[in-house]
Amino acid sequence: MVLQRDDKTYSRNDWELMRRAYCTACRLLNRDPATDDEGAKRLARDVLKLFDCGVRDEWAIAVQVREAEYANPSSNARSSGG
């Protein structure tokens, strides 16, 4: 089955890889998506962007998302203990 988001089309395997990368990024940053809605949305957008740029390794996506959070002075990455 193929699922669509805006003008992009993703397979179930694509979504599963992105989900795992997102969960790994949350763990690396010591974030709980249930209590940090804005941060969760930002992480999800970053995962999608990297996937759309051709990154298909879930660990590479998670690490790059973490690095982007640390590089972004407006994020709470540093204050969350991550």
PDB file of N, CA and C in Angstrom:
ATOM      1  N   MET A   1       0.842  -1.189   0.000  1.00  0.00           N
ATOM      2  CA  MET A   1       0.000   0.000   0.000  1.00  0.00           C
ATOM      3  C   MET A   1       0.880   1.244   0.000  1.00  0.00           C
ATOM      4  N   VAL A   2       0.436   2.262  -0.692  1.00  0.00           N
ATOM      5  CA  VAL A   2       1.162   3.519  -0.780  1.00  0.00           C
ATOM      6  C   VAL A   2       0.333   4.614  -0.117  1.00  0.00           C
ATOM      7  N   LEU A   3       0.981   5.392   0.728  1.00  0.00           N
ATOM      8  CA  LEU A   3       0.318   6.496   1.411  1.00  0.00           C
ATOM      9  C   LEU A   3       0.876   7.803   0.894  1.00  0.00           C
ATOM     10  N   GLN A   4       0.068   8.840   0.913  1.00  0.00           N
ATOM     11  CA  GLN A   4       0.477  10.111   0.335  1.00  0.00           C
ATOM     12  C   GLN A   4       0.446  11.223   1.377  1.00  0.00           C
ATOM     13  N   ARG A   5       1.386  12.148   1.243  1.00  0.00           N
ATOM     14  CA  ARG A   5       1.448  13.355   2.068  1.00  0.00           C
ATOM     15  C   ARG A   5       1.740  14.492   1.120  1.00  0.00           C
ATOM     16  N   ASP A   6       0.843  15.445   1.026  1.00  0.00           N
ATOM     17  CA  ASP A   6       0.981  16.559   0.091  1.00  0.00           C
ATOM     18  C   ASP A   6       1.288  16.025  -1.303  1.00  0.00           C
ATOM     19  N   ASP A   7       2.413  16.428  -1.863  1.00  0.00           N
ATOM     20  CA  ASP A   7       2.760  15.980  -3.209  1.00  0.00           C
ATOM     21  C   ASP A   7       3.721  14.798  -3.192  1.00  0.00           C
ATOM     22  N   LYS A   8       4.004  14.245  -2.022  1.00  0.00           N
ATOM     23  CA  LYS A   8       4.926  13.116  -1.885  1.00  0.00           C
ATOM     24  C   LYS A   8       4.137  11.829  -1.694  1.00  0.00           C
ATOM     25  N   THR A   9       4.704  10.741  -2.169  1.00  0.00           N
ATOM     26  CA  THR A   9       4.100   9.431  -1.992  1.00  0.00           C
ATOM     27  C   THR A   9       5.094   8.547  -1.255  1.00  0.00           C
ATOM     28  N   TYR A  10       4.654   7.922  -0.185  1.00  0.00           N
ATOM     29  CA  TYR A  10       5.507   7.065   0.632  1.00  0.00           C
ATOM     30  C   TYR A  10       4.867   5.693   0.782  1.00  0.00           C
ATOM     31  N   SER A  11       5.692   4.670   0.787  1.00  0.00           N
ATOM     32  CA  SER A  11       5.204   3.320   1.042  1.00  0.00           C
ATOM     33  C   SER A  11       5.116   3.099   2.553  1.00  0.00           C
ATOM     34  N   ARG A  12       4.490   2.013   2.943  1.00  0.00           N
ATOM     35  CA  ARG A  12       4.445   1.669   4.374  1.00  0.00           C
ATOM     36  C   ARG A  12       5.860   1.507   4.922  1.00  0.00           C
ATOM     37  N   ASN A  13       6.757   0.929   4.128  1.00  0.00           N
ATOM     38  CA  ASN A  13       8.143   0.761   4.565  1.00  0.00           C
ATOM     39  C   ASN A  13       8.820   2.115   4.779  1.00  0.00           C
ATOM     40  N   ASP A  14       8.526   3.076   3.911  1.00  0.00           N
ATOM     41  CA  ASP A  14       9.070   4.425   4.075  1.00  0.00           C
ATOM     42  C   ASP A  14       8.614   5.025   5.400  1.00  0.00           C
ATOM     43  N   TRP A  15       7.297   4.953   5.653  1.00  0.00           N
ATOM     44  CA  TRP A  15       6.754   5.507   6.893  1.00  0.00           C
ATOM     45  C   TRP A  15       7.339   4.822   8.110  1.00  0.00           C
ATOM     46  N   GLU A  16       7.520   3.502   8.029  1.00  0.00           N
ATOM     47  CA  GLU A  16       8.084   2.757   9.158  1.00  0.00           C
ATOM     48  C   GLU A  16       9.532   3.181   9.415  1.00  0.00           C
ATOM     49  N   LEU A  17      10.321   3.349   8.361  1.00  0.00           N
ATOM     50  CA  LEU A  17      11.696   3.814   8.530  1.00  0.00           C
ATOM     51  C   LEU A  17      11.713   5.201   9.168  1.00  0.00           C
ATOM     52  N   MET A  18      10.848   6.095   8.693  1.00  0.00           N
ATOM     53  CA  MET A  18      10.797   7.445   9.264  1.00  0.00           C
ATOM     54  C   MET A  18      10.334   7.416  10.715  1.00  0.00           C
ATOM     55  N   ARG A  19       9.398   6.534  11.044  1.00  0.00           N
ATOM     56  CA  ARG A  19       8.930   6.409  12.426  1.00  0.00           C
ATOM     57  C   ARG A  19      10.067   5.965  13.335  1.00  0.00           C
ATOM     58  N   ARG A  20      10.825   4.958  12.884  1.00  0.00           N
ATOM     59  CA  ARG A  20      11.946   4.479  13.696  1.00  0.00           C
ATOM     60  C   ARG A  20      13.017   5.556  13.858  1.00  0.00           C
ATOM     61  N   ALA A  21      13.302   6.299  12.790  1.00  0.00           N
ATOM     62  CA  ALA A  21      14.288   7.376  12.862  1.00  0.00           C
ATOM     63  C   ALA A  21      13.817   8.458  13.833  1.00  0.00           C
ATOM     64  N   TYR A  22      12.539   8.788  13.782  1.00  0.00           N
ATOM     65  CA  TYR A  22      11.960   9.784  14.679  1.00  0.00           C
ATOM     66  C   TYR A  22      12.085   9.336  16.138  1.00  0.00           C
ATOM     67  N   CYS A  23      11.713   8.090  16.413  1.00  0.00           N
ATOM     68  CA  CYS A  23      11.799   7.567  17.781  1.00  0.00           C
ATOM     69  C   CYS A  23      13.239   7.544  18.277  1.00  0.00           C
ATOM     70  N   THR A  24      14.170   7.190  17.404  1.00  0.00           N
ATOM     71  CA  THR A  24      15.582   7.194  17.777  1.00  0.00           C
ATOM     72  C   THR A  24      16.049   8.609  18.071  1.00  0.00           C
ATOM     73  N   ALA A  25      15.648   9.567  17.254  1.00  0.00           N
ATOM     74  CA  ALA A  25      16.018  10.971  17.502  1.00  0.00           C
ATOM     75  C   ALA A  25      15.468  11.439  18.842  1.00  0.00           C
ATOM     76  N   CYS A  26      14.239  11.070  19.154  1.00  0.00           N
ATOM     77  CA  CYS A  26      13.649  11.442  20.450  1.00  0.00           C
ATOM     78  C   CYS A  26      14.475  10.873  21.596  1.00  0.00           C
ATOM     79  N   ARG A  27      14.894   9.613  21.462  1.00  0.00           N
ATOM     80  CA  ARG A  27      15.709   9.002  22.521  1.00  0.00           C
ATOM     81  C   ARG A  27      17.062   9.689  22.627  1.00  0.00           C
ATOM     82  N   LEU A  28      17.693   9.998  21.498  1.00  0.00           N
ATOM     83  CA  LEU A  28      18.991  10.668  21.521  1.00  0.00           C
ATOM     84  C   LEU A  28      18.910  12.033  22.191  1.00  0.00           C
ATOM     85  N   LEU A  29      17.774  12.685  22.030  1.00  0.00           N
ATOM     86  CA  LEU A  29      17.582  14.022  22.595  1.00  0.00           C
ATOM     87  C   LEU A  29      16.905  13.986  23.969  1.00  0.00           C
ATOM     88  N   ASN A  30      16.612  12.777  24.443  1.00  0.00           N
ATOM     89  CA  ASN A  30      15.922  12.626  25.724  1.00  0.00           C
ATOM     90  C   ASN A  30      14.619  13.424  25.727  1.00  0.00           C
ATOM     91  N   ARG A  31      13.865  13.288  24.639  1.00  0.00           N
ATOM     92  CA  ARG A  31      12.600  14.008  24.470  1.00  0.00           C
ATOM     93  C   ARG A  31      11.430  13.054  24.550  1.00  0.00           C
ATOM     94  N   ASP A  32      10.351  13.539  25.120  1.00  0.00           N
ATOM     95  CA  ASP A  32       9.101  12.798  25.142  1.00  0.00           C
ATOM     96  C   ASP A  32       8.116  13.539  24.254  1.00  0.00           C
ATOM     97  N   PRO A  33       7.796  12.979  23.082  1.00  0.00           N
ATOM     98  CA  PRO A  33       6.892  13.674  22.167  1.00  0.00           C
ATOM     99  C   PRO A  33       5.529  13.971  22.776  1.00  0.00           C
ATOM    100  N   ALA A  34       5.134  13.214  23.768  1.00  0.00           N
ATOM    101  CA  ALA A  34       3.826  13.436  24.392  1.00  0.00           C
ATOM    102  C   ALA A  34       3.802  14.712  25.227  1.00  0.00           C
ATOM    103  N   THR A  35       4.969  15.179  25.679  1.00  0.00           N
ATOM    104  CA  THR A  35       5.003  16.374  26.529  1.00  0.00           C
ATOM    105  C   THR A  35       5.657  17.566  25.845  1.00  0.00           C
ATOM    106  N   ASP A  36       6.136  17.387  24.625  1.00  0.00           N
ATOM    107  CA  ASP A  36       6.803  18.478  23.899  1.00  0.00           C
ATOM    108  C   ASP A  36       6.251  18.532  22.481  1.00  0.00           C
ATOM    109  N   ASP A  37       5.021  19.015  22.354  1.00  0.00           N
ATOM    110  CA  ASP A  37       4.334  19.000  21.064  1.00  0.00           C
ATOM    111  C   ASP A  37       5.076  19.782  19.991  1.00  0.00           C
ATOM    112  N   GLU A  38       5.517  20.984  20.315  1.00  0.00           N
ATOM    113  CA  GLU A  38       6.212  21.811  19.310  1.00  0.00           C
ATOM    114  C   GLU A  38       7.530  21.170  18.898  1.00  0.00           C
ATOM    115  N   GLY A  39       8.266  20.661  19.861  1.00  0.00           N
ATOM    116  CA  GLY A  39       9.521  19.975  19.549  1.00  0.00           C
ATOM    117  C   GLY A  39       9.282  18.722  18.723  1.00  0.00           C
ATOM    118  N   ALA A  40       8.214  17.999  19.042  1.00  0.00           N
ATOM    119  CA  ALA A  40       7.883  16.779  18.303  1.00  0.00           C
ATOM    120  C   ALA A  40       7.577  17.096  16.842  1.00  0.00           C
ATOM    121  N   LYS A  41       6.827  18.164  16.621  1.00  0.00           N
ATOM    122  CA  LYS A  41       6.500  18.556  15.235  1.00  0.00           C
ATOM    123  C   LYS A  41       7.762  18.945  14.476  1.00  0.00           C
ATOM    124  N   ARG A  42       8.661  19.680  15.136  1.00  0.00           N
ATOM    125  CA  ARG A  42       9.907  20.100  14.493  1.00  0.00           C
ATOM    126  C   ARG A  42      10.759  18.884  14.122  1.00  0.00           C
ATOM    127  N   LEU A  43      10.868  17.915  15.055  1.00  0.00           N
ATOM    128  CA  LEU A  43      11.640  16.708  14.770  1.00  0.00           C
ATOM    129  C   LEU A  43      11.033  15.934  13.598  1.00  0.00           C
ATOM    130  N   ALA A  44       9.711  15.810  13.589  1.00  0.00           N
ATOM    131  CA  ALA A  44       9.040  15.083  12.510  1.00  0.00           C
ATOM    132  C   ALA A  44       9.287  15.758  11.161  1.00  0.00           C
ATOM    133  N   ARG A  45       9.211  17.085  11.130  1.00  0.00           N
ATOM    134  CA  ARG A  45       9.482  17.809   9.875  1.00  0.00           C
ATOM    135  C   ARG A  45      10.917  17.563   9.419  1.00  0.00           C
ATOM    136  N   ASP A  46      11.861  17.565  10.358  1.00  0.00           N
ATOM    137  CA  ASP A  46      13.261  17.344  10.000  1.00  0.00           C
ATOM    138  C   ASP A  46      13.482  15.936   9.465  1.00  0.00           C
ATOM    139  N   VAL A  47      12.827  14.945  10.072  1.00  0.00           N
ATOM    140  CA  VAL A  47      12.935  13.570   9.583  1.00  0.00           C
ATOM    141  C   VAL A  47      12.412  13.484   8.151  1.00  0.00           C
ATOM    142  N   LEU A  48      11.248  14.073   7.903  1.00  0.00           N
ATOM    143  CA  LEU A  48      10.672  14.058   6.549  1.00  0.00           C
ATOM    144  C   LEU A  48      11.591  14.744   5.542  1.00  0.00           C
ATOM    145  N   LYS A  49      12.151  15.877   5.922  1.00  0.00           N
ATOM    146  CA  LYS A  49      13.042  16.606   5.008  1.00  0.00           C
ATOM    147  C   LYS A  49      14.251  15.765   4.634  1.00  0.00           C
ATOM    148  N   LEU A  50      14.872  15.134   5.626  1.00  0.00           N
ATOM    149  CA  LEU A  50      16.042  14.308   5.339  1.00  0.00           C
ATOM    150  C   LEU A  50      15.669  13.117   4.458  1.00  0.00           C
ATOM    151  N   PHE A  51      14.541  12.488   4.762  1.00  0.00           N
ATOM    152  CA  PHE A  51      14.093  11.367   3.937  1.00  0.00           C
ATOM    153  C   PHE A  51      13.865  11.834   2.505  1.00  0.00           C
ATOM    154  N   ASP A  52      13.225  12.984   2.348  1.00  0.00           N
ATOM    155  CA  ASP A  52      12.958  13.521   1.013  1.00  0.00           C
ATOM    156  C   ASP A  52      14.235  13.897   0.270  1.00  0.00           C
ATOM    157  N   CYS A  53      15.307  14.154   1.012  1.00  0.00           N
ATOM    158  CA  CYS A  53      16.605  14.461   0.384  1.00  0.00           C
ATOM    159  C   CYS A  53      17.372  13.196   0.023  1.00  0.00           C
ATOM    160  N   GLY A  54      16.786  12.041   0.314  1.00  0.00           N
ATOM    161  CA  GLY A  54      17.402  10.783  -0.098  1.00  0.00           C
ATOM    162  C   GLY A  54      18.091   9.997   0.996  1.00  0.00           C
ATOM    163  N   VAL A  55      18.088  10.492   2.227  1.00  0.00           N
ATOM    164  CA  VAL A  55      18.703   9.742   3.319  1.00  0.00           C
ATOM    165  C   VAL A  55      17.774   8.594   3.689  1.00  0.00           C
ATOM    166  N   ARG A  56      18.282   7.371   3.645  1.00  0.00           N
ATOM    167  CA  ARG A  56      17.447   6.197   3.902  1.00  0.00           C
ATOM    168  C   ARG A  56      17.943   5.360   5.070  1.00  0.00           C
ATOM    169  N   ASP A  57      18.934   5.842   5.789  1.00  0.00           N
ATOM    170  CA  ASP A  57      19.455   5.141   6.950  1.00  0.00           C
ATOM    171  C   ASP A  57      18.854   5.782   8.199  1.00  0.00           C
ATOM    172  N   GLU A  58      18.096   4.989   8.973  1.00  0.00           N
ATOM    173  CA  GLU A  58      17.374   5.577  10.105  1.00  0.00           C
ATOM    174  C   GLU A  58      18.310   6.171  11.149  1.00  0.00           C
ATOM    175  N   TRP A  59      19.474   5.535  11.382  1.00  0.00           N
ATOM    176  CA  TRP A  59      20.427   6.074  12.347  1.00  0.00           C
ATOM    177  C   TRP A  59      20.992   7.398  11.839  1.00  0.00           C
ATOM    178  N   ALA A  60      21.329   7.473  10.566  1.00  0.00           N
ATOM    179  CA  ALA A  60      21.861   8.719   9.992  1.00  0.00           C
ATOM    180  C   ALA A  60      20.835   9.841  10.099  1.00  0.00           C
ATOM    181  N   ILE A  61      19.583   9.532   9.836  1.00  0.00           N
ATOM    182  CA  ILE A  61      18.523  10.543   9.967  1.00  0.00           C
ATOM    183  C   ILE A  61      18.438  11.019  11.410  1.00  0.00           C
ATOM    184  N   ALA A  62      18.391  10.087  12.358  1.00  0.00           N
ATOM    185  CA  ALA A  62      18.253  10.444  13.773  1.00  0.00           C
ATOM    186  C   ALA A  62      19.418  11.314  14.246  1.00  0.00           C
ATOM    187  N   VAL A  63      20.626  10.952  13.864  1.00  0.00           N
ATOM    188  CA  VAL A  63      21.806  11.717  14.288  1.00  0.00           C
ATOM    189  C   VAL A  63      21.788  13.113  13.668  1.00  0.00           C
ATOM    190  N   GLN A  64      21.416  13.208  12.397  1.00  0.00           N
ATOM    191  CA  GLN A  64      21.359  14.521  11.752  1.00  0.00           C
ATOM    192  C   GLN A  64      20.271  15.402  12.360  1.00  0.00           C
ATOM    193  N   VAL A  65      19.146  14.801  12.736  1.00  0.00           N
ATOM    194  CA  VAL A  65      18.079  15.554  13.397  1.00  0.00           C
ATOM    195  C   VAL A  65      18.582  16.065  14.755  1.00  0.00           C
ATOM    196  N   ARG A  66      19.274  15.198  15.489  1.00  0.00           N
ATOM    197  CA  ARG A  66      19.829  15.618  16.774  1.00  0.00           C
ATOM    198  C   ARG A  66      20.805  16.776  16.595  1.00  0.00           C
ATOM    199  N   GLU A  67      21.698  16.670  15.617  1.00  0.00           N
ATOM    200  CA  GLU A  67      22.672  17.730  15.369  1.00  0.00           C
ATOM    201  C   GLU A  67      21.978  19.035  14.984  1.00  0.00           C
ATOM    202  N   ALA A  68      20.917  18.937  14.206  1.00  0.00           N
ATOM    203  CA  ALA A  68      20.169  20.138  13.822  1.00  0.00           C
ATOM    204  C   ALA A  68      19.534  20.789  15.047  1.00  0.00           C
ATOM    205  N   GLU A  69      19.046  19.984  15.973  1.00  0.00           N
ATOM    206  CA  GLU A  69      18.452  20.525  17.202  1.00  0.00           C
ATOM    207  C   GLU A  69      19.505  21.251  18.033  1.00  0.00           C
ATOM    208  N   TYR A  70      20.679  20.673  18.136  1.00  0.00           N
ATOM    209  CA  TYR A  70      21.752  21.312  18.909  1.00  0.00           C
ATOM    210  C   TYR A  70      22.238  22.591  18.237  1.00  0.00           C
ATOM    211  N   ALA A  71      22.191  22.626  16.910  1.00  0.00           N
ATOM    212  CA  ALA A  71      22.668  23.795  16.170  1.00  0.00           C
ATOM    213  C   ALA A  71      21.646  24.920  16.156  1.00  0.00           C
ATOM    214  N   ASN A  72      20.387  24.605  16.452  1.00  0.00           N
ATOM    215  CA  ASN A  72      19.318  25.584  16.399  1.00  0.00           C
ATOM    216  C   ASN A  72      19.168  26.255  17.766  1.00  0.00           C
ATOM    217  N   PRO A  73      19.580  27.503  17.893  1.00  0.00           N
ATOM    218  CA  PRO A  73      19.519  28.166  19.186  1.00  0.00           C
ATOM    219  C   PRO A  73      18.095  28.376  19.709  1.00  0.00           C
ATOM    220  N   SER A  74      17.079  28.293  18.866  1.00  0.00           N
ATOM    221  CA  SER A  74      15.701  28.493  19.337  1.00  0.00           C
ATOM    222  C   SER A  74      15.071  27.209  19.842  1.00  0.00           C
ATOM    223  N   SER A  75      15.760  26.067  19.679  1.00  0.00           N
ATOM    224  CA  SER A  75      15.189  24.804  20.173  1.00  0.00           C
ATOM    225  C   SER A  75      15.515  24.631  21.645  1.00  0.00           C
ATOM    226  N   ASN A  76      14.814  23.705  22.309  1.00  0.00           N
ATOM    227  CA  ASN A  76      15.084  23.444  23.707  1.00  0.00           C
ATOM    228  C   ASN A  76      16.018  22.248  23.866  1.00  0.00           C
ATOM    229  N   ALA A  77      16.754  21.870  22.842  1.00  0.00           N
ATOM    230  CA  ALA A  77      17.587  20.680  22.908  1.00  0.00           C
ATOM    231  C   ALA A  77      18.554  20.740  24.081  1.00  0.00           C
ATOM    232  N   ARG A  78      19.170  21.868  24.286  1.00  0.00           N
ATOM    233  CA  ARG A  78      20.155  21.971  25.356  1.00  0.00           C
ATOM    234  C   ARG A  78      19.502  21.946  26.736  1.00  0.00           C
ATOM    235  N   SER A  79      18.327  22.552  26.849  1.00  0.00           N
ATOM    236  CA  SER A  79      17.693  22.629  28.158  1.00  0.00           C
ATOM    237  C   SER A  79      16.966  21.342  28.540  1.00  0.00           C
ATOM    238  N   SER A  80      16.810  20.410  27.585  1.00  0.00           N
ATOM    239  CA  SER A  80      16.068  19.193  27.893  1.00  0.00           C
ATOM    240  C   SER A  80      16.980  18.083  28.384  1.00  0.00           C
ATOM    241  N   GLY A  81      18.272  18.361  28.493  1.00  0.00           N
ATOM    242  CA  GLY A  81      19.186  17.351  28.977  1.00  0.00           C
ATOM    243  C   GLY A  81      19.691  16.439  27.897  1.00  0.00           C
ATOM    244  N   GLY A  82      19.419  16.749  26.618  1.00  0.00           N
ATOM    245  CA  GLY A  82      19.783  15.905  25.499  1.00  0.00           C
ATOM    246  C   GLY A  82      21.132  16.038  25.004  1.00  0.00           C
TER     247      GLY A  82
END
